Amino acid sequence: RALHVVFRARRGGMHRHAKAIRTLLVGLAARHELRVYEFSNNDNHFHLLVRGKTRRGLQNFFRVFAGQVAQLVTGARKGPA
């Protein structure tokens, strides 16, 4: 079954990165064997309608997607400050 998932942020600004976020979504969905039926970027939150082949694939996708979107929006980088 497809899942409706909402990723929420405390502040907006995700519209500025809409193209990069969509590119990230498509790449990660393919890597984690996910099918994305719908995607909506509403500035401070996303709506996704997705279906994964495996539970592990869904979990990994959500973990990586959330982290990489946060890095993209905030400008944060991994490693020592």
N, C-alpha and C. Protein backbone atom coordinates (compact mmCIF):
# COMPACT_ATOMS: atom_id res chain seq x y z
N ARG A 1 0.83 -1.19 0.00
CA ARG A 1 0.00 0.00 0.00
C ARG A 1 0.87 1.25 0.00
N ALA A 2 0.33 2.28 -0.57
CA ALA A 2 1.05 3.55 -0.59
C ALA A 2 0.90 4.25 0.76
N LEU A 3 1.92 5.00 1.12
CA LEU A 3 1.92 5.74 2.38
C LEU A 3 1.89 7.24 2.11
N HIS A 4 1.08 7.95 2.86
CA HIS A 4 1.10 9.41 2.83
C HIS A 4 1.99 9.87 3.97
N VAL A 5 3.06 10.58 3.64
CA VAL A 5 4.05 11.01 4.62
C VAL A 5 4.21 12.52 4.53
N VAL A 6 4.32 13.17 5.70
CA VAL A 6 4.54 14.60 5.74
C VAL A 6 5.86 14.86 6.46
N PHE A 7 6.76 15.60 5.81
CA PHE A 7 8.00 16.06 6.42
C PHE A 7 7.79 17.53 6.74
N ARG A 8 7.93 17.89 7.99
CA ARG A 8 7.66 19.25 8.43
C ARG A 8 8.92 19.93 8.93
N ALA A 9 9.04 21.23 8.67
CA ALA A 9 10.16 22.03 9.15
C ALA A 9 9.61 23.14 10.04
N ARG A 10 10.42 23.60 10.95
CA ARG A 10 9.98 24.68 11.84
C ARG A 10 9.89 26.01 11.13
N ARG A 11 10.67 26.15 10.08
CA ARG A 11 10.61 27.40 9.32
C ARG A 11 10.51 27.07 7.84
N GLY A 12 10.08 28.02 7.06
CA GLY A 12 9.91 27.82 5.63
C GLY A 12 11.21 28.00 4.88
N GLY A 13 11.10 28.21 3.60
CA GLY A 13 12.26 28.45 2.77
C GLY A 13 12.59 27.28 1.85
N MET A 14 11.78 26.25 1.86
CA MET A 14 12.10 25.10 1.02
C MET A 14 11.75 25.33 -0.45
N HIS A 15 10.92 26.34 -0.73
CA HIS A 15 10.61 26.66 -2.13
C HIS A 15 11.86 27.11 -2.88
N ARG A 16 12.78 27.76 -2.19
CA ARG A 16 14.01 28.23 -2.84
C ARG A 16 14.85 27.08 -3.36
N HIS A 17 14.69 25.91 -2.77
CA HIS A 17 15.49 24.74 -3.12
C HIS A 17 14.65 23.66 -3.82
N ALA A 18 13.52 24.04 -4.38
CA ALA A 18 12.55 23.07 -4.93
C ALA A 18 13.17 22.16 -5.99
N LYS A 19 13.94 22.71 -6.91
CA LYS A 19 14.52 21.90 -7.98
C LYS A 19 15.53 20.89 -7.42
N ALA A 20 16.39 21.34 -6.53
CA ALA A 20 17.39 20.45 -5.93
C ALA A 20 16.72 19.36 -5.09
N ILE A 21 15.66 19.70 -4.38
CA ILE A 21 14.96 18.73 -3.55
C ILE A 21 14.28 17.67 -4.43
N ARG A 22 13.69 18.10 -5.52
CA ARG A 22 13.05 17.14 -6.43
C ARG A 22 14.09 16.21 -7.05
N THR A 23 15.23 16.74 -7.44
CA THR A 23 16.32 15.92 -7.98
C THR A 23 16.80 14.91 -6.95
N LEU A 24 16.96 15.36 -5.72
CA LEU A 24 17.35 14.48 -4.62
C LEU A 24 16.31 13.38 -4.41
N LEU A 25 15.05 13.74 -4.43
CA LEU A 25 13.95 12.79 -4.25
C LEU A 25 13.97 11.69 -5.31
N VAL A 26 14.13 12.08 -6.55
CA VAL A 26 14.13 11.11 -7.65
C VAL A 26 15.32 10.15 -7.52
N GLY A 27 16.49 10.68 -7.24
CA GLY A 27 17.68 9.84 -7.11
C GLY A 27 17.60 8.87 -5.95
N LEU A 28 17.15 9.36 -4.79
CA LEU A 28 17.05 8.49 -3.61
C LEU A 28 15.94 7.46 -3.76
N ALA A 29 14.86 7.84 -4.41
CA ALA A 29 13.77 6.89 -4.63
C ALA A 29 14.24 5.72 -5.48
N ALA A 30 15.01 6.00 -6.51
CA ALA A 30 15.54 4.94 -7.37
C ALA A 30 16.52 4.06 -6.59
N ARG A 31 17.38 4.68 -5.80
CA ARG A 31 18.37 3.92 -5.04
C ARG A 31 17.74 2.99 -4.01
N HIS A 32 16.65 3.44 -3.39
CA HIS A 32 16.02 2.67 -2.32
C HIS A 32 14.77 1.91 -2.79
N GLU A 33 14.61 1.81 -4.10
CA GLU A 33 13.50 1.06 -4.71
C GLU A 33 12.14 1.53 -4.21
N LEU A 34 11.92 2.81 -4.34
CA LEU A 34 10.69 3.45 -3.90
C LEU A 34 9.96 3.99 -5.11
N ARG A 35 8.66 3.95 -5.08
CA ARG A 35 7.88 4.60 -6.13
C ARG A 35 7.20 5.81 -5.52
N VAL A 36 7.41 6.96 -6.12
CA VAL A 36 6.80 8.21 -5.65
C VAL A 36 5.61 8.51 -6.55
N TYR A 37 4.42 8.45 -5.97
CA TYR A 37 3.20 8.73 -6.72
C TYR A 37 2.91 10.23 -6.77
N GLU A 38 3.09 10.89 -5.65
CA GLU A 38 2.83 12.34 -5.57
C GLU A 38 3.88 12.99 -4.69
N PHE A 39 4.19 14.25 -5.00
CA PHE A 39 5.10 15.05 -4.19
C PHE A 39 4.63 16.49 -4.23
N SER A 40 4.54 17.11 -3.07
CA SER A 40 4.11 18.50 -2.99
C SER A 40 5.00 19.24 -2.00
N ASN A 41 5.64 20.32 -2.47
CA ASN A 41 6.50 21.15 -1.64
C ASN A 41 5.69 22.37 -1.22
N ASN A 42 5.37 22.48 0.07
CA ASN A 42 4.53 23.57 0.58
C ASN A 42 5.30 24.53 1.46
N ASP A 43 6.53 24.85 1.10
CA ASP A 43 7.42 25.81 1.73
C ASP A 43 7.92 25.38 3.10
N ASN A 44 7.06 25.02 4.06
CA ASN A 44 7.56 24.57 5.35
C ASN A 44 7.26 23.09 5.60
N HIS A 45 6.71 22.41 4.59
CA HIS A 45 6.50 20.96 4.71
C HIS A 45 6.32 20.34 3.33
N PHE A 46 6.56 19.02 3.26
CA PHE A 46 6.37 18.24 2.05
C PHE A 46 5.27 17.23 2.29
N HIS A 47 4.56 16.91 1.24
CA HIS A 47 3.66 15.76 1.26
C HIS A 47 4.20 14.77 0.24
N LEU A 48 4.31 13.52 0.64
CA LEU A 48 4.77 12.47 -0.25
C LEU A 48 3.76 11.33 -0.23
N LEU A 49 3.47 10.77 -1.37
CA LEU A 49 2.70 9.54 -1.46
C LEU A 49 3.63 8.53 -2.10
N VAL A 50 4.11 7.59 -1.29
CA VAL A 50 5.16 6.67 -1.74
C VAL A 50 4.80 5.22 -1.44
N ARG A 51 5.47 4.36 -2.15
CA ARG A 51 5.35 2.92 -1.90
C ARG A 51 6.74 2.31 -2.08
N GLY A 52 7.16 1.54 -1.10
CA GLY A 52 8.47 0.91 -1.17
C GLY A 52 8.36 -0.59 -1.33
N LYS A 53 9.40 -1.16 -1.91
CA LYS A 53 9.43 -2.62 -2.07
C LYS A 53 9.64 -3.30 -0.73
N THR A 54 10.48 -2.69 0.12
CA THR A 54 10.77 -3.29 1.42
C THR A 54 10.66 -2.25 2.52
N ARG A 55 10.44 -2.72 3.73
CA ARG A 55 10.40 -1.83 4.88
C ARG A 55 11.76 -1.16 5.09
N ARG A 56 12.81 -1.94 4.94
CA ARG A 56 14.17 -1.41 5.11
C ARG A 56 14.45 -0.29 4.10
N GLY A 57 14.00 -0.48 2.86
CA GLY A 57 14.18 0.55 1.83
C GLY A 57 13.46 1.84 2.20
N LEU A 58 12.24 1.72 2.72
CA LEU A 58 11.49 2.90 3.16
C LEU A 58 12.21 3.61 4.30
N GLN A 59 12.64 2.84 5.29
CA GLN A 59 13.33 3.44 6.44
C GLN A 59 14.59 4.16 6.01
N ASN A 60 15.38 3.52 5.17
CA ASN A 60 16.63 4.15 4.71
C ASN A 60 16.35 5.39 3.88
N PHE A 61 15.34 5.33 3.02
CA PHE A 61 14.98 6.50 2.22
C PHE A 61 14.60 7.68 3.11
N PHE A 62 13.71 7.44 4.10
CA PHE A 62 13.26 8.53 4.97
C PHE A 62 14.42 9.13 5.75
N ARG A 63 15.32 8.30 6.24
CA ARG A 63 16.46 8.77 7.01
C ARG A 63 17.38 9.64 6.16
N VAL A 64 17.73 9.14 4.99
CA VAL A 64 18.67 9.86 4.12
C VAL A 64 18.03 11.11 3.53
N PHE A 65 16.78 11.01 3.08
CA PHE A 65 16.10 12.16 2.47
C PHE A 65 15.96 13.30 3.47
N ALA A 66 15.51 13.00 4.68
CA ALA A 66 15.35 14.04 5.70
C ALA A 66 16.69 14.71 6.01
N GLY A 67 17.73 13.93 6.17
CA GLY A 67 19.04 14.49 6.49
C GLY A 67 19.60 15.35 5.38
N GLN A 68 19.48 14.90 4.14
CA GLN A 68 20.04 15.66 3.04
C GLN A 68 19.24 16.92 2.73
N VAL A 69 17.92 16.87 2.92
CA VAL A 69 17.12 18.09 2.74
C VAL A 69 17.51 19.11 3.82
N ALA A 70 17.69 18.65 5.05
CA ALA A 70 18.09 19.55 6.14
C ALA A 70 19.44 20.19 5.83
N GLN A 71 20.39 19.41 5.33
CA GLN A 71 21.69 19.96 4.97
C GLN A 71 21.56 20.99 3.84
N LEU A 72 20.73 20.68 2.88
CA LEU A 72 20.54 21.58 1.74
C LEU A 72 19.92 22.90 2.18
N VAL A 73 18.88 22.85 2.97
CA VAL A 73 18.15 24.05 3.38
C VAL A 73 18.97 24.91 4.35
N THR A 74 19.65 24.27 5.29
CA THR A 74 20.38 25.02 6.32
C THR A 74 21.80 25.38 5.90
N GLY A 75 22.30 24.69 4.88
CA GLY A 75 23.68 24.93 4.47
C GLY A 75 24.69 24.19 5.33
N ALA A 76 24.24 23.32 6.20
CA ALA A 76 25.13 22.58 7.10
C ALA A 76 25.94 21.57 6.31
N ARG A 77 27.10 21.24 6.82
CA ARG A 77 27.97 20.24 6.22
C ARG A 77 28.42 19.26 7.28
N LYS A 78 28.70 18.04 6.87
CA LYS A 78 29.21 17.04 7.79
C LYS A 78 30.66 17.35 8.13
N GLY A 79 31.08 16.92 9.31
CA GLY A 79 32.47 17.08 9.70
C GLY A 79 32.66 18.13 10.78
N PRO A 80 33.89 18.36 11.17
CA PRO A 80 34.15 19.34 12.24
C PRO A 80 33.76 20.76 11.82
N ALA A 81 33.31 21.52 12.78
CA ALA A 81 32.83 22.89 12.49
C ALA A 81 33.93 23.84 12.20
